[in-house]
Amino acid sequence: EHVDNNRAGYADFGDTQYIQPSCEDSETAFFMPGAQNGMVQPYLLSKRNNERIPIIGNFFRLGRDAGFNDYVIHNNGFVGHSHCHIFVKNGEYFIVDDNSKNRTYVNETPIQPGEEIKLVHGQSIKLANEEFEFKIF
C-alpha cells in the first residue's frame, strides 16, 4: 500500500546525499563539522587565547622545548620541557604525563607519570597552569 507522505504532514525533498562515499544505502551518514573527507580532526583549544591546536599524527608531544615538541608552550616556566604527549591507540586518544614536575590534569584530576588516560570530547586538560579543552570532531 502506498502512503502519501505529503498528506501525513511530510514533504518529500528527495534522497539524502552521503558525505562519505563508503556509506551503504541502509546506513545513516553522520556529518561532523570540521571533519575532512570523513576523517575526524582532534584538537586542543587553549583557554588562554582560544588557539586551536590540531593534534597531528599518532604521537603528539607538548612542552616548552621547541626542538622536541610538536606544540611548544612559550613563556610559561611551569610547563615542562617535555611535559606530556597524546597518542592514538585503536582509534582512541590517550594522554600521558612525561614525568613533569607540575603534573598533567584531566578534568582537574592529576594523572600519574606514564599512566595512559583516555581522552573524550569536551574534557579539560591542564599542563601545570596552562589549560586546554580536548575536542574531537
N, C-alpha and C. Protein backbone atom coordinates (compact mmCIF):
# COMPACT_ATOMS: atom_id res chain seq x y z
N GLU A 1 0.84 -1.18 0.00
CA GLU A 1 0.00 0.00 0.00
C GLU A 1 0.88 1.23 0.00
N HIS A 2 0.61 2.17 -0.88
CA HIS A 2 1.38 3.42 -0.98
C HIS A 2 0.86 4.43 0.02
N VAL A 3 1.78 5.05 0.77
CA VAL A 3 1.41 6.08 1.73
C VAL A 3 1.83 7.42 1.15
N ASP A 4 0.91 8.35 1.08
CA ASP A 4 1.22 9.69 0.59
C ASP A 4 1.72 10.51 1.76
N ASN A 5 3.06 10.66 1.84
CA ASN A 5 3.67 11.38 2.96
C ASN A 5 3.27 12.84 3.01
N ASN A 6 2.92 13.43 1.85
CA ASN A 6 2.52 14.83 1.85
C ASN A 6 1.23 15.04 2.63
N ARG A 7 0.31 14.08 2.54
CA ARG A 7 -0.94 14.20 3.29
C ARG A 7 -0.71 13.97 4.77
N ALA A 8 0.32 13.23 5.13
CA ALA A 8 0.60 12.94 6.54
C ALA A 8 1.41 14.06 7.18
N GLY A 9 1.63 15.16 6.49
CA GLY A 9 2.38 16.27 7.06
C GLY A 9 3.87 16.22 6.74
N TYR A 10 4.28 15.34 5.86
CA TYR A 10 5.68 15.20 5.48
C TYR A 10 5.88 15.72 4.07
N ALA A 11 7.02 16.29 3.81
CA ALA A 11 7.35 16.75 2.46
C ALA A 11 8.48 15.88 1.92
N ASP A 12 8.42 15.56 0.67
CA ASP A 12 9.47 14.77 0.05
C ASP A 12 10.47 15.72 -0.60
N PHE A 13 11.67 15.78 -0.04
CA PHE A 13 12.71 16.67 -0.56
C PHE A 13 13.73 15.90 -1.39
N GLY A 14 13.47 14.65 -1.67
CA GLY A 14 14.41 13.83 -2.44
C GLY A 14 15.32 13.04 -1.51
N ASP A 15 16.27 12.34 -2.11
CA ASP A 15 17.18 11.48 -1.35
C ASP A 15 18.24 12.30 -0.62
N THR A 16 18.66 11.80 0.53
CA THR A 16 19.76 12.41 1.28
C THR A 16 21.07 12.00 0.63
N GLN A 17 21.96 12.95 0.46
CA GLN A 17 23.27 12.64 -0.10
C GLN A 17 24.23 12.32 1.03
N TYR A 18 25.08 11.35 0.78
CA TYR A 18 26.06 10.93 1.77
C TYR A 18 27.34 11.74 1.63
N ILE A 19 27.90 12.11 2.76
CA ILE A 19 29.18 12.82 2.76
C ILE A 19 30.31 11.84 2.51
N GLN A 20 30.21 10.66 3.13
CA GLN A 20 31.23 9.63 2.94
C GLN A 20 30.74 8.69 1.85
N PRO A 21 31.51 8.54 0.78
CA PRO A 21 31.05 7.69 -0.32
C PRO A 21 30.97 6.22 0.06
N SER A 22 31.55 5.81 1.19
CA SER A 22 31.57 4.40 1.56
C SER A 22 30.30 3.97 2.28
N CYS A 23 29.36 4.88 2.56
CA CYS A 23 28.14 4.54 3.27
C CYS A 23 27.25 3.67 2.41
N GLU A 24 26.66 2.66 3.01
CA GLU A 24 25.70 1.82 2.32
C GLU A 24 24.37 2.57 2.28
N ASP A 25 23.47 2.16 1.37
CA ASP A 25 22.18 2.82 1.25
C ASP A 25 21.37 2.71 2.54
N SER A 26 21.58 1.66 3.32
CA SER A 26 20.77 1.46 4.52
C SER A 26 21.35 2.17 5.74
N GLU A 27 22.52 2.78 5.63
CA GLU A 27 23.14 3.44 6.78
C GLU A 27 22.81 4.93 6.79
N THR A 28 22.83 5.50 7.98
CA THR A 28 22.70 6.94 8.13
C THR A 28 24.08 7.55 8.14
N ALA A 29 24.27 8.61 7.40
CA ALA A 29 25.57 9.28 7.36
C ALA A 29 25.60 10.35 8.43
N PHE A 30 26.71 10.47 9.11
CA PHE A 30 26.88 11.48 10.13
C PHE A 30 27.76 12.59 9.59
N PHE A 31 27.34 13.81 9.83
CA PHE A 31 28.14 14.96 9.45
C PHE A 31 28.78 15.52 10.69
N MET A 32 30.10 15.63 10.68
CA MET A 32 30.83 16.16 11.81
C MET A 32 31.52 17.44 11.37
N PRO A 33 31.11 18.60 11.91
CA PRO A 33 31.74 19.85 11.50
C PRO A 33 33.25 19.79 11.70
N GLY A 34 34.00 20.25 10.72
CA GLY A 34 35.45 20.24 10.83
C GLY A 34 36.08 18.96 10.31
N ALA A 35 35.29 17.93 10.08
CA ALA A 35 35.86 16.68 9.58
C ALA A 35 36.20 16.85 8.10
N GLN A 36 37.33 16.30 7.71
CA GLN A 36 37.77 16.41 6.34
C GLN A 36 37.78 15.02 5.73
N ASN A 37 37.05 14.85 4.64
CA ASN A 37 36.98 13.56 3.95
C ASN A 37 36.55 12.45 4.89
N GLY A 38 35.64 12.76 5.83
CA GLY A 38 35.17 11.74 6.75
C GLY A 38 36.14 11.45 7.88
N MET A 39 37.29 12.13 7.89
CA MET A 39 38.28 11.90 8.95
C MET A 39 38.02 12.87 10.10
N VAL A 40 38.16 12.37 11.31
CA VAL A 40 37.99 13.20 12.49
C VAL A 40 39.30 13.95 12.75
N GLN A 41 39.21 15.23 13.08
CA GLN A 41 40.39 16.03 13.38
C GLN A 41 40.34 16.47 14.84
N PRO A 42 41.05 15.76 15.71
CA PRO A 42 41.07 16.18 17.11
C PRO A 42 41.96 17.41 17.28
N TYR A 43 41.64 18.22 18.29
CA TYR A 43 42.47 19.38 18.57
C TYR A 43 42.31 19.79 20.03
N LEU A 44 43.24 20.60 20.47
CA LEU A 44 43.16 21.22 21.79
C LEU A 44 42.78 22.68 21.57
N LEU A 45 41.92 23.18 22.44
CA LEU A 45 41.55 24.58 22.41
C LEU A 45 42.15 25.24 23.64
N SER A 46 43.05 26.19 23.41
CA SER A 46 43.72 26.89 24.51
C SER A 46 42.73 27.80 25.22
N LYS A 47 42.65 27.67 26.54
CA LYS A 47 41.76 28.53 27.33
C LYS A 47 42.35 29.94 27.45
N ARG A 48 43.67 30.07 27.30
CA ARG A 48 44.33 31.36 27.45
C ARG A 48 44.04 32.29 26.28
N ASN A 49 44.12 31.74 25.04
CA ASN A 49 43.98 32.63 23.87
C ASN A 49 43.07 32.07 22.77
N ASN A 50 42.31 31.01 23.09
CA ASN A 50 41.39 30.37 22.13
C ASN A 50 42.08 29.83 20.88
N GLU A 51 43.38 29.57 20.96
CA GLU A 51 44.10 28.97 19.84
C GLU A 51 43.63 27.54 19.65
N ARG A 52 43.38 27.18 18.41
CA ARG A 52 43.00 25.81 18.05
C ARG A 52 44.27 25.07 17.64
N ILE A 53 44.63 24.03 18.37
CA ILE A 53 45.87 23.29 18.16
C ILE A 53 45.54 21.90 17.62
N PRO A 54 45.66 21.68 16.31
CA PRO A 54 45.35 20.36 15.76
C PRO A 54 46.34 19.31 16.26
N ILE A 55 45.81 18.17 16.66
CA ILE A 55 46.64 17.05 17.08
C ILE A 55 46.92 16.23 15.82
N ILE A 56 48.14 16.38 15.32
CA ILE A 56 48.51 15.78 14.04
C ILE A 56 49.37 14.55 14.28
N GLY A 57 49.04 13.47 13.61
CA GLY A 57 49.82 12.25 13.72
C GLY A 57 49.34 11.37 14.87
N ASN A 58 49.99 10.23 15.03
CA ASN A 58 49.61 9.27 16.06
C ASN A 58 50.33 9.49 17.38
N PHE A 59 51.28 10.43 17.41
CA PHE A 59 52.04 10.72 18.63
C PHE A 59 52.33 12.21 18.62
N PHE A 60 51.82 12.94 19.62
CA PHE A 60 51.86 14.40 19.63
C PHE A 60 52.41 14.87 20.98
N ARG A 61 53.59 15.51 20.96
CA ARG A 61 54.26 15.96 22.19
C ARG A 61 53.95 17.42 22.49
N LEU A 62 53.80 17.73 23.79
CA LEU A 62 53.56 19.10 24.24
C LEU A 62 54.56 19.45 25.33
N GLY A 63 55.10 20.66 25.27
CA GLY A 63 56.03 21.13 26.28
C GLY A 63 56.72 22.41 25.85
N ARG A 64 57.75 22.80 26.62
CA ARG A 64 58.45 24.07 26.36
C ARG A 64 59.58 23.97 25.35
N ASP A 65 60.13 22.80 25.13
CA ASP A 65 61.30 22.62 24.28
C ASP A 65 60.92 22.64 22.80
N ALA A 66 61.33 23.69 22.10
CA ALA A 66 60.98 23.85 20.69
C ALA A 66 61.63 22.80 19.81
N GLY A 67 62.74 22.24 20.22
CA GLY A 67 63.43 21.25 19.40
C GLY A 67 62.88 19.84 19.55
N PHE A 68 61.95 19.64 20.47
CA PHE A 68 61.48 18.29 20.76
C PHE A 68 59.98 18.11 20.59
N ASN A 69 59.20 19.14 20.86
CA ASN A 69 57.75 19.02 20.93
C ASN A 69 57.05 19.39 19.62
N ASP A 70 55.88 18.80 19.44
CA ASP A 70 55.04 19.13 18.29
C ASP A 70 54.30 20.44 18.52
N TYR A 71 53.97 20.71 19.78
CA TYR A 71 53.37 22.00 20.14
C TYR A 71 54.19 22.58 21.29
N VAL A 72 54.67 23.80 21.11
CA VAL A 72 55.53 24.45 22.10
C VAL A 72 54.73 25.48 22.87
N ILE A 73 54.80 25.39 24.20
CA ILE A 73 54.14 26.35 25.08
C ILE A 73 55.21 27.34 25.52
N HIS A 74 55.13 28.54 24.97
CA HIS A 74 56.11 29.59 25.24
C HIS A 74 55.76 30.37 26.50
N ASN A 75 56.76 30.97 27.09
CA ASN A 75 56.58 31.92 28.18
C ASN A 75 55.81 31.36 29.38
N ASN A 76 56.03 30.11 29.70
CA ASN A 76 55.42 29.52 30.89
C ASN A 76 56.42 28.55 31.52
N GLY A 77 57.15 29.03 32.52
CA GLY A 77 58.17 28.22 33.17
C GLY A 77 57.63 27.09 34.02
N PHE A 78 56.30 27.02 34.21
CA PHE A 78 55.71 25.92 34.98
C PHE A 78 55.50 24.68 34.13
N VAL A 79 55.46 24.86 32.82
CA VAL A 79 55.29 23.73 31.89
C VAL A 79 56.66 23.12 31.65
N GLY A 80 56.73 21.78 31.68
CA GLY A 80 57.99 21.08 31.50
C GLY A 80 58.51 21.15 30.07
N HIS A 81 59.81 20.91 29.93
CA HIS A 81 60.43 20.89 28.59
C HIS A 81 59.76 19.84 27.72
N SER A 82 59.48 18.68 28.29
CA SER A 82 58.72 17.63 27.63
C SER A 82 57.62 17.22 28.61
N HIS A 83 56.54 17.95 28.61
CA HIS A 83 55.53 17.84 29.67
C HIS A 83 54.66 16.58 29.54
N CYS A 84 54.09 16.37 28.35
CA CYS A 84 53.20 15.22 28.15
C CYS A 84 53.09 14.91 26.67
N HIS A 85 52.41 13.82 26.36
CA HIS A 85 52.14 13.51 24.96
C HIS A 85 50.75 12.90 24.84
N ILE A 86 50.20 13.02 23.64
CA ILE A 86 48.92 12.42 23.28
C ILE A 86 49.19 11.43 22.17
N PHE A 87 48.59 10.25 22.28
CA PHE A 87 48.80 9.25 21.23
C PHE A 87 47.50 8.55 20.91
N VAL A 88 47.50 7.88 19.75
CA VAL A 88 46.32 7.17 19.27
C VAL A 88 46.56 5.67 19.44
N LYS A 89 45.56 4.99 19.99
CA LYS A 89 45.61 3.53 20.12
C LYS A 89 44.22 2.99 19.80
N ASN A 90 44.12 2.15 18.78
CA ASN A 90 42.84 1.58 18.36
C ASN A 90 41.79 2.64 18.08
N GLY A 91 42.22 3.76 17.47
CA GLY A 91 41.30 4.82 17.09
C GLY A 91 40.87 5.73 18.24
N GLU A 92 41.43 5.52 19.43
CA GLU A 92 41.09 6.36 20.57
C GLU A 92 42.32 7.16 20.99
N TYR A 93 42.07 8.29 21.64
CA TYR A 93 43.15 9.20 22.03
C TYR A 93 43.43 9.09 23.52
N PHE A 94 44.71 9.07 23.86
CA PHE A 94 45.16 8.96 25.24
C PHE A 94 46.20 10.03 25.52
N ILE A 95 46.26 10.47 26.78
CA ILE A 95 47.28 11.42 27.21
C ILE A 95 48.13 10.76 28.28
N VAL A 96 49.43 11.09 28.26
CA VAL A 96 50.40 10.55 29.22
C VAL A 96 51.26 11.69 29.73
N ASP A 97 51.39 11.79 31.05
CA ASP A 97 52.31 12.76 31.64
C ASP A 97 53.72 12.19 31.53
N ASP A 98 54.66 13.00 31.04
CA ASP A 98 56.04 12.54 30.84
C ASP A 98 56.93 12.91 32.03
N ASN A 99 56.44 12.58 33.24
CA ASN A 99 57.18 12.82 34.47
C ASN A 99 57.45 14.32 34.69
N SER A 100 56.43 15.14 34.43
CA SER A 100 56.57 16.58 34.61
C SER A 100 56.58 16.94 36.09
N LYS A 101 57.24 18.02 36.44
CA LYS A 101 57.30 18.46 37.84
C LYS A 101 55.95 19.00 38.32
N ASN A 102 55.22 19.68 37.45
CA ASN A 102 53.98 20.33 37.86
C ASN A 102 52.72 19.62 37.38
N ARG A 103 52.85 18.39 36.96
CA ARG A 103 51.76 17.47 36.66
C ARG A 103 50.91 17.84 35.45
N THR A 104 50.19 16.84 34.99
CA THR A 104 49.18 16.97 33.95
C THR A 104 47.86 16.57 34.59
N TYR A 105 46.81 17.33 34.29
CA TYR A 105 45.49 17.08 34.88
C TYR A 105 44.47 16.85 33.79
N VAL A 106 43.56 15.91 34.02
CA VAL A 106 42.42 15.70 33.14
C VAL A 106 41.18 15.90 34.01
N ASN A 107 40.36 16.86 33.63
CA ASN A 107 39.18 17.23 34.42
C ASN A 107 39.54 17.48 35.88
N GLU A 108 40.61 18.24 36.08
CA GLU A 108 41.09 18.66 37.41
C GLU A 108 41.70 17.53 38.24
N THR A 109 41.80 16.33 37.70
CA THR A 109 42.40 15.20 38.41
C THR A 109 43.82 14.99 37.92
N PRO A 110 44.81 15.02 38.83
CA PRO A 110 46.18 14.79 38.38
C PRO A 110 46.38 13.35 37.92
N ILE A 111 47.15 13.18 36.85
CA ILE A 111 47.43 11.82 36.37
C ILE A 111 48.86 11.46 36.75
N GLN A 112 49.08 10.19 36.97
CA GLN A 112 50.40 9.70 37.35
C GLN A 112 51.31 9.65 36.12
N PRO A 113 52.60 9.96 36.29
CA PRO A 113 53.53 9.85 35.16
C PRO A 113 53.47 8.46 34.53
N GLY A 114 53.38 8.42 33.22
CA GLY A 114 53.34 7.15 32.49
C GLY A 114 51.96 6.52 32.38
N GLU A 115 50.99 7.03 33.12
CA GLU A 115 49.63 6.47 33.10
C GLU A 115 48.91 6.93 31.83
N GLU A 116 48.27 6.00 31.11
CA GLU A 116 47.53 6.31 29.90
C GLU A 116 46.09 6.63 30.26
N ILE A 117 45.68 7.88 30.02
CA ILE A 117 44.32 8.31 30.32
C ILE A 117 43.59 8.56 29.01
N LYS A 118 42.48 7.86 28.82
CA LYS A 118 41.69 8.02 27.60
C LYS A 118 41.04 9.40 27.60
N LEU A 119 41.11 10.05 26.45
CA LEU A 119 40.50 11.37 26.28
C LEU A 119 39.18 11.25 25.53
N VAL A 120 38.21 12.04 25.97
CA VAL A 120 36.93 12.12 25.27
C VAL A 120 36.60 13.59 25.03
N HIS A 121 35.79 13.81 24.04
CA HIS A 121 35.41 15.17 23.63
C HIS A 121 34.92 15.98 24.83
N GLY A 122 35.45 17.19 24.95
CA GLY A 122 35.00 18.12 25.98
C GLY A 122 35.77 18.09 27.28
N GLN A 123 36.70 17.15 27.43
CA GLN A 123 37.46 17.10 28.68
C GLN A 123 38.43 18.27 28.78
N SER A 124 38.66 18.70 30.02
CA SER A 124 39.66 19.74 30.24
C SER A 124 41.00 19.07 30.51
N ILE A 125 42.05 19.69 29.99
CA ILE A 125 43.42 19.21 30.17
C ILE A 125 44.22 20.40 30.70
N LYS A 126 45.02 20.15 31.71
CA LYS A 126 45.84 21.22 32.27
C LYS A 126 47.27 20.71 32.38
N LEU A 127 48.19 21.46 31.80
CA LEU A 127 49.62 21.20 31.92
C LEU A 127 50.13 22.26 32.89
N ALA A 128 50.39 21.87 34.13
CA ALA A 128 50.73 22.82 35.20
C ALA A 128 49.57 23.80 35.31
N ASN A 129 49.75 25.04 34.87
CA ASN A 129 48.66 26.03 34.93
C ASN A 129 48.18 26.46 33.54
N GLU A 130 48.56 25.72 32.52
CA GLU A 130 48.17 26.01 31.14
C GLU A 130 46.97 25.12 30.79
N GLU A 131 45.82 25.74 30.49
CA GLU A 131 44.58 24.98 30.34
C GLU A 131 44.13 24.86 28.89
N PHE A 132 43.57 23.68 28.57
CA PHE A 132 43.08 23.36 27.24
C PHE A 132 41.78 22.58 27.37
N GLU A 133 41.05 22.53 26.26
CA GLU A 133 39.90 21.63 26.15
C GLU A 133 40.15 20.70 24.97
N PHE A 134 39.92 19.40 25.18
CA PHE A 134 40.09 18.41 24.12
C PHE A 134 38.81 18.36 23.29
N LYS A 135 38.97 18.53 21.99
CA LYS A 135 37.83 18.49 21.07
C LYS A 135 38.12 17.44 20.01
N ILE A 136 37.11 16.69 19.64
CA ILE A 136 37.30 15.69 18.59
C ILE A 136 36.11 15.69 17.66
N PHE A 137 36.22 16.47 16.61
CA PHE A 137 35.25 16.47 15.50
C PHE A 137 35.80 17.22 14.34
